[in-house]
C-alpha atoms as a PDB file:
ATOM      1  CA  MET A   1      43.582 -36.258  15.751  1.00  0.00           C
ATOM      2  CA  SER A   2      44.956 -34.985  19.438  1.00  0.00           C
ATOM      3  CA  ASN A   3      45.913 -31.472  20.517  1.00  0.00           C
ATOM      4  CA  GLN A   4      41.826 -30.379  19.934  1.00  0.00           C
ATOM      5  CA  SER A   5      40.788 -27.934  22.429  1.00  0.00           C
ATOM      6  CA  ILE A   6      37.411 -28.525  23.492  1.00  0.00           C
ATOM      7  CA  GLU A   7      34.505 -25.687  24.689  1.00  0.00           C
ATOM      8  CA  THR A   8      32.717 -27.765  27.808  1.00  0.00           C
ATOM      9  CA  LEU A   9      29.967 -26.049  29.728  1.00  0.00           C
ATOM     10  CA  LEU A  10      31.083 -26.880  33.131  1.00  0.00           C
ATOM     11  CA  VAL A  11      34.680 -27.044  32.806  1.00  0.00           C
ATOM     12  CA  GLY A  12      35.938 -24.871  30.121  1.00  0.00           C
ATOM     13  CA  ARG A  13      38.813 -25.275  27.632  1.00  0.00           C
ATOM     14  CA  MET A  14      40.120 -28.963  27.537  1.00  0.00           C
ATOM     15  CA  THR A  15      42.718 -30.628  25.218  1.00  0.00           C
ATOM     16  CA  SER A  16      41.801 -33.758  23.588  1.00  0.00           C
ATOM     17  CA  ILE A  17      44.462 -36.864  23.030  1.00  0.00           C
ATOM     18  CA  GLY A  18      43.316 -38.466  19.882  1.00  0.00           C
ATOM     19  CA  THR A  19      40.294 -39.751  18.233  1.00  0.00           C
ATOM     20  CA  THR A  20      38.510 -43.254  17.553  1.00  0.00           C
ATOM     21  CA  PHE A  21      37.016 -44.430  14.430  1.00  0.00           C
ATOM     22  CA  ILE A  22      33.798 -45.926  14.179  1.00  0.00           C
ATOM     23  CA  PRO A  23      33.049 -47.788  11.058  1.00  0.00           C
ATOM     24  CA  VAL A  24      29.450 -48.138   9.941  1.00  0.00           C
ATOM     25  CA  ILE A  25      28.422 -49.746   6.860  1.00  0.00           C
ATOM     26  CA  PHE A  26      24.982 -49.720   5.649  1.00  0.00           C
ATOM     27  CA  THR A  27      23.272 -51.151   2.412  1.00  0.00           C
ATOM     28  CA  ASP A  28      21.148 -48.494   0.054  1.00  0.00           C
ATOM     29  CA  ALA A  29      17.734 -49.946   0.133  1.00  0.00           C
ATOM     30  CA  GLN A  30      17.177 -49.392  -3.593  1.00  0.00           C
ATOM     31  CA  THR A  31      20.017 -50.967  -5.293  1.00  0.00           C
ATOM     32  CA  GLY A  32      21.817 -52.994  -2.538  1.00  0.00           C
ATOM     33  CA  GLU A  33      25.040 -51.833  -2.840  1.00  0.00           C
ATOM     34  CA  HIS A  34      27.324 -51.307   0.742  1.00  0.00           C
ATOM     35  CA  PHE A  35      28.855 -48.303   1.718  1.00  0.00           C
ATOM     36  CA  ARG A  36      30.393 -47.154   4.729  1.00  0.00           C
ATOM     37  CA  ILE A  37      30.304 -44.215   6.399  1.00  0.00           C
ATOM     38  CA  VAL A  38      32.880 -43.571  10.251  1.00  0.00           C
ATOM     39  CA  LEU A  39      32.240 -41.532  12.804  1.00  0.00           C
ATOM     40  CA  TYR A  40      35.284 -39.837  14.515  1.00  0.00           C
ATOM     41  CA  ALA A  41      35.070 -39.328  18.395  1.00  0.00           C
ATOM     42  CA  ILE A  42      37.823 -37.351  19.984  1.00  0.00           C
ATOM     43  CA  VAL A  43      39.019 -38.578  23.362  1.00  0.00           C
ATOM     44  CA  VAL A  44      38.912 -36.280  26.061  1.00  0.00           C
ATOM     45  CA  PRO A  45      41.111 -37.540  29.837  1.00  0.00           C
ATOM     46  CA  LYS A  46      39.524 -36.872  32.809  1.00  0.00           C
ATOM     47  CA  LEU A  47      35.888 -36.256  31.388  1.00  0.00           C
ATOM     48  CA  PHE A  48      33.706 -36.583  34.810  1.00  0.00           C
ATOM     49  CA  MET A  49      30.662 -38.779  32.734  1.00  0.00           C
ATOM     50  CA  GLY A  50      30.417 -40.576  29.343  1.00  0.00           C
ATOM     51  CA  MET A  51      28.951 -38.108  26.654  1.00  0.00           C
ATOM     52  CA  PHE A  52      28.884 -36.671  22.987  1.00  0.00           C
ATOM     53  CA  ILE A  53      30.608 -33.750  21.616  1.00  0.00           C
ATOM     54  CA  GLY A  54      29.381 -32.901  18.348  1.00  0.00           C
ATOM     55  CA  ARG A  55      27.438 -31.129  15.808  1.00  0.00           C
ATOM     56  CA  SER A  56      23.916 -32.061  13.945  1.00  0.00           C
ATOM     57  CA  ALA A  57      23.931 -34.203  11.458  1.00  0.00           C
ATOM     58  CA  ARG A  58      23.685 -32.445   8.726  1.00  0.00           C
ATOM     59  CA  PHE A  59      23.450 -35.476   6.237  1.00  0.00           C
ATOM     60  CA  LEU A  60      20.333 -36.896   7.511  1.00  0.00           C
ATOM     61  CA  GLY A  61      17.555 -35.873   4.142  1.00  0.00           C
ATOM     62  CA  SER A  62      14.288 -36.896   5.871  1.00  0.00           C
ATOM     63  CA  GLU A  63      12.821 -40.001   7.349  1.00  0.00           C
ATOM     64  CA  ALA A  64       9.719 -41.827   6.272  1.00  0.00           C
ATOM     65  CA  TRP A  65       7.510 -43.934   8.060  1.00  0.00           C
ATOM     66  CA  GLY A  66       5.702 -47.085   6.091  1.00  0.00           C
ATOM     67  CA  PRO A  67       4.587 -50.682   6.021  1.00  0.00           C
ATOM     68  CA  GLU A  68       8.208 -51.747   5.770  1.00  0.00           C
ATOM     69  CA  GLY A  69       9.430 -50.174   8.139  1.00  0.00           C
ATOM     70  CA  VAL A  70      11.329 -46.657   8.701  1.00  0.00           C
ATOM     71  CA  MET A  71      13.001 -44.912   5.356  1.00  0.00           C
ATOM     72  CA  PHE A  72      16.257 -42.705   6.076  1.00  0.00           C
ATOM     73  CA  THR A  73      17.364 -40.536   3.047  1.00  0.00           C
ATOM     74  CA  PHE A  74      20.838 -39.765   3.682  1.00  0.00           C
ATOM     75  CA  ASP A  75      22.218 -37.058   1.048  1.00  0.00           C
ATOM     76  CA  PHE A  76      26.375 -37.261   2.122  1.00  0.00           C
ATOM     77  CA  GLY A  77      27.051 -34.302  -1.051  1.00  0.00           C
ATOM     78  CA  GLN A  78      29.969 -35.845  -3.153  1.00  0.00           C
ATOM     79  CA  GLY A  79      28.936 -39.265  -1.421  1.00  0.00           C
ATOM     80  CA  GLY A  80      25.187 -39.188  -3.135  1.00  0.00           C
ATOM     81  CA  VAL A  81      22.078 -39.068  -1.708  1.00  0.00           C
ATOM     82  CA  LYS A  82      21.142 -43.043  -0.274  1.00  0.00           C
ATOM     83  CA  LYS A  83      18.158 -44.628   1.189  1.00  0.00           C
ATOM     84  CA  VAL A  84      18.304 -46.946   4.246  1.00  0.00           C
ATOM     85  CA  ARG A  85      16.002 -49.402   5.185  1.00  0.00           C
ATOM     86  CA  GLY A  86      15.544 -49.160   9.081  1.00  0.00           C
ATOM     87  CA  ILE A  87      14.952 -52.048  11.521  1.00  0.00           C
ATOM     88  CA  GLY A  88      11.651 -53.214  12.180  1.00  0.00           C
ATOM     89  CA  LEU A  89      11.112 -53.958  15.465  1.00  0.00           C
END
């Protein structure tokens, strides 16, 4: 997705030159089913520093901590509700 107008605080409007896709594969903690989400990163030339330009994630439904670690509940709308166990440290 090139030629998107991006508003920044310091520089003003910039135009994107493309998009990179970052696929992430999760495993549903209850069913063991694998599912994939794709993050889109807009590529903007001549940024003074690396940064992410985006909105808050509305798909995170909840976060619960227990003896086995953290469990995240994602609501992907038509993709359904999925629970993902975090990696314990």
